Amino acid sequence: MRVKGLVIAGAMAFAGLAAPTAAQAGLNQCGTNYMCVWGNGNYEWLIAAQVHGQGSWMDVFNDANGENNQQDSWANRSNTYTGCMADDVDGGGDRITMAKASSDPDLAWFNSNSTSAMRTKNGC
């Protein structure tokens, strides 16, 4: 009886160690006073996290990593500034406003996969 219990306990411990863990994805990746963009819906595959208050356009999406024009969800964790995502580098093209203290877990198809630049102050 004792050996059987040890075998079951050992199997349970092994199963716990072998179980896959979920990747850390979600709004918790975006810190207070940051604006973040994810390459997939529901805040998965973080591709940009920029501190609020930056008024200049930032071309933060890395082509080499396949991040450019890949946004599908975003969050603005700032209560102070409105941000903006732009279709083209240096703020050109169509834009998406990132309102204060707001987020979007799944952009509409016509806004998805289009961001090349962002700023975290002065809105669009």
Protein backbone atom coordinates (compact mmCIF):
# COMPACT_ATOMS: atom_id res chain seq x y z
CA MET A 1 0.00 0.00 0.00
CA ARG A 2 2.82 2.40 0.88
CA VAL A 3 4.68 1.74 -2.39
CA LYS A 4 1.50 2.25 -4.41
CA GLY A 5 0.94 5.63 -2.72
CA LEU A 6 4.51 6.68 -3.47
CA VAL A 7 4.15 5.67 -7.11
CA ILE A 8 0.91 7.66 -7.48
CA ALA A 9 2.40 10.69 -5.70
CA GLY A 10 5.49 10.50 -7.93
CA ALA A 11 3.36 10.25 -11.08
CA MET A 12 1.32 13.27 -9.99
CA ALA A 13 4.44 15.30 -9.27
CA PHE A 14 5.92 14.36 -12.65
CA ALA A 15 2.67 15.29 -14.42
CA GLY A 16 2.74 18.67 -12.70
CA LEU A 17 6.29 19.32 -13.87
CA ALA A 18 5.60 18.15 -17.39
CA ALA A 19 2.41 20.17 -17.85
CA PRO A 20 2.85 23.07 -20.28
CA THR A 21 2.43 26.55 -18.91
CA ALA A 22 0.60 29.30 -20.74
CA ALA A 23 2.67 32.16 -22.09
CA GLN A 24 2.38 35.37 -20.13
CA ALA A 25 0.10 37.36 -22.41
CA GLY A 26 -2.43 39.99 -21.60
CA LEU A 27 -2.97 43.50 -20.37
CA ASN A 28 -0.65 42.81 -17.41
CA GLN A 29 2.27 43.07 -19.87
CA CYS A 30 1.50 46.76 -20.28
CA GLY A 31 2.65 48.77 -17.28
CA THR A 32 1.02 51.83 -15.78
CA ASN A 33 1.66 54.92 -17.91
CA TYR A 34 2.55 52.83 -20.97
CA MET A 35 0.89 52.36 -24.33
CA CYS A 36 1.21 48.89 -25.78
CA VAL A 37 0.47 47.15 -29.05
CA TRP A 38 0.10 43.41 -29.60
CA GLY A 39 0.42 41.54 -32.91
CA ASN A 40 -2.53 39.25 -32.16
CA GLY A 41 -5.99 39.74 -30.70
CA ASN A 42 -6.63 39.42 -26.98
CA TYR A 43 -3.29 41.00 -26.07
CA GLU A 44 -1.00 38.25 -27.35
CA TRP A 45 2.48 38.77 -28.89
CA LEU A 46 3.53 42.13 -27.44
CA ILE A 47 5.30 44.13 -30.18
CA ALA A 48 5.51 47.62 -28.61
CA ALA A 49 5.47 49.06 -25.10
CA GLN A 50 6.21 52.78 -24.92
CA VAL A 51 6.06 55.11 -21.92
CA HIS A 52 3.44 57.85 -22.15
CA GLY A 53 4.32 61.49 -22.87
CA GLN A 54 6.36 61.04 -26.07
CA GLY A 55 5.09 63.57 -28.64
CA SER A 56 7.37 62.57 -31.52
CA TRP A 57 6.53 59.73 -33.88
CA MET A 58 8.37 56.50 -33.11
CA ASP A 59 8.87 53.83 -35.73
CA VAL A 60 9.02 51.11 -33.07
CA PHE A 61 7.76 48.14 -35.07
CA ASN A 62 10.70 46.05 -36.24
CA ASP A 63 10.47 44.78 -39.83
CA ALA A 64 13.18 42.20 -39.14
CA ASN A 65 10.99 40.61 -36.46
CA GLY A 66 7.85 40.76 -38.61
CA GLU A 67 6.24 43.35 -36.33
CA ASN A 68 5.49 46.11 -38.84
CA ASN A 69 1.82 46.28 -39.86
CA GLN A 70 0.86 43.50 -37.46
CA GLN A 71 -1.23 45.12 -34.71
CA ASP A 72 -4.46 43.44 -33.67
CA SER A 73 -4.93 44.75 -30.12
CA TRP A 74 -3.73 47.72 -28.07
CA ALA A 75 -3.95 49.36 -24.65
CA ASN A 76 -3.34 52.86 -23.32
CA ARG A 77 -2.59 52.57 -19.58
CA SER A 78 -2.15 56.34 -19.22
CA ASN A 79 -4.73 58.53 -17.49
CA THR A 80 -2.85 61.61 -18.72
CA TYR A 81 -2.15 61.27 -22.46
CA THR A 82 -3.96 60.18 -25.59
CA GLY A 83 -1.81 58.21 -28.01
CA CYS A 84 -1.94 57.48 -31.71
CA MET A 85 -0.93 54.68 -34.07
CA ALA A 86 -0.21 55.58 -37.71
CA ASP A 87 -0.30 53.50 -40.86
CA ASP A 88 2.98 54.85 -42.23
CA VAL A 89 6.37 55.61 -40.68
CA ASP A 90 6.74 59.09 -39.21
CA GLY A 91 2.98 59.34 -38.57
CA GLY A 92 1.66 59.31 -42.12
CA GLY A 93 -1.43 57.59 -43.49
CA ASP A 94 -4.50 56.46 -41.59
CA ARG A 95 -4.44 56.75 -37.80
CA ILE A 96 -6.03 55.08 -34.80
CA THR A 97 -6.56 57.08 -31.59
CA MET A 98 -5.55 55.43 -28.32
CA ALA A 99 -7.85 57.24 -25.87
CA LYS A 100 -6.78 57.73 -22.24
CA ALA A 101 -7.20 54.63 -20.05
CA SER A 102 -8.67 52.51 -22.85
CA SER A 103 -7.95 49.39 -24.84
CA ASP A 104 -9.15 47.28 -27.75
CA PRO A 105 -8.63 43.51 -27.62
CA ASP A 106 -9.61 42.89 -31.25
CA LEU A 107 -9.36 45.62 -33.87
CA ALA A 108 -11.87 45.67 -36.72
CA TRP A 109 -10.60 44.11 -39.94
CA PHE A 110 -10.25 47.54 -41.59
CA ASN A 111 -7.92 48.78 -38.79
CA SER A 112 -6.00 45.57 -38.22
CA ASN A 113 -2.41 44.98 -39.38
CA SER A 114 -1.65 48.54 -40.40
CA THR A 115 0.51 50.26 -37.79
CA SER A 116 4.05 51.40 -38.60
CA ALA A 117 4.50 54.22 -36.05
CA MET A 118 3.10 55.46 -32.76
CA ARG A 119 3.31 58.36 -30.35
CA THR A 120 2.18 58.48 -26.74
CA LYS A 121 1.17 62.13 -26.45
CA ASN A 122 -0.94 64.60 -28.49
CA GLY A 123 -3.29 61.95 -29.92
CA CYS A 124 -4.02 61.84 -33.62
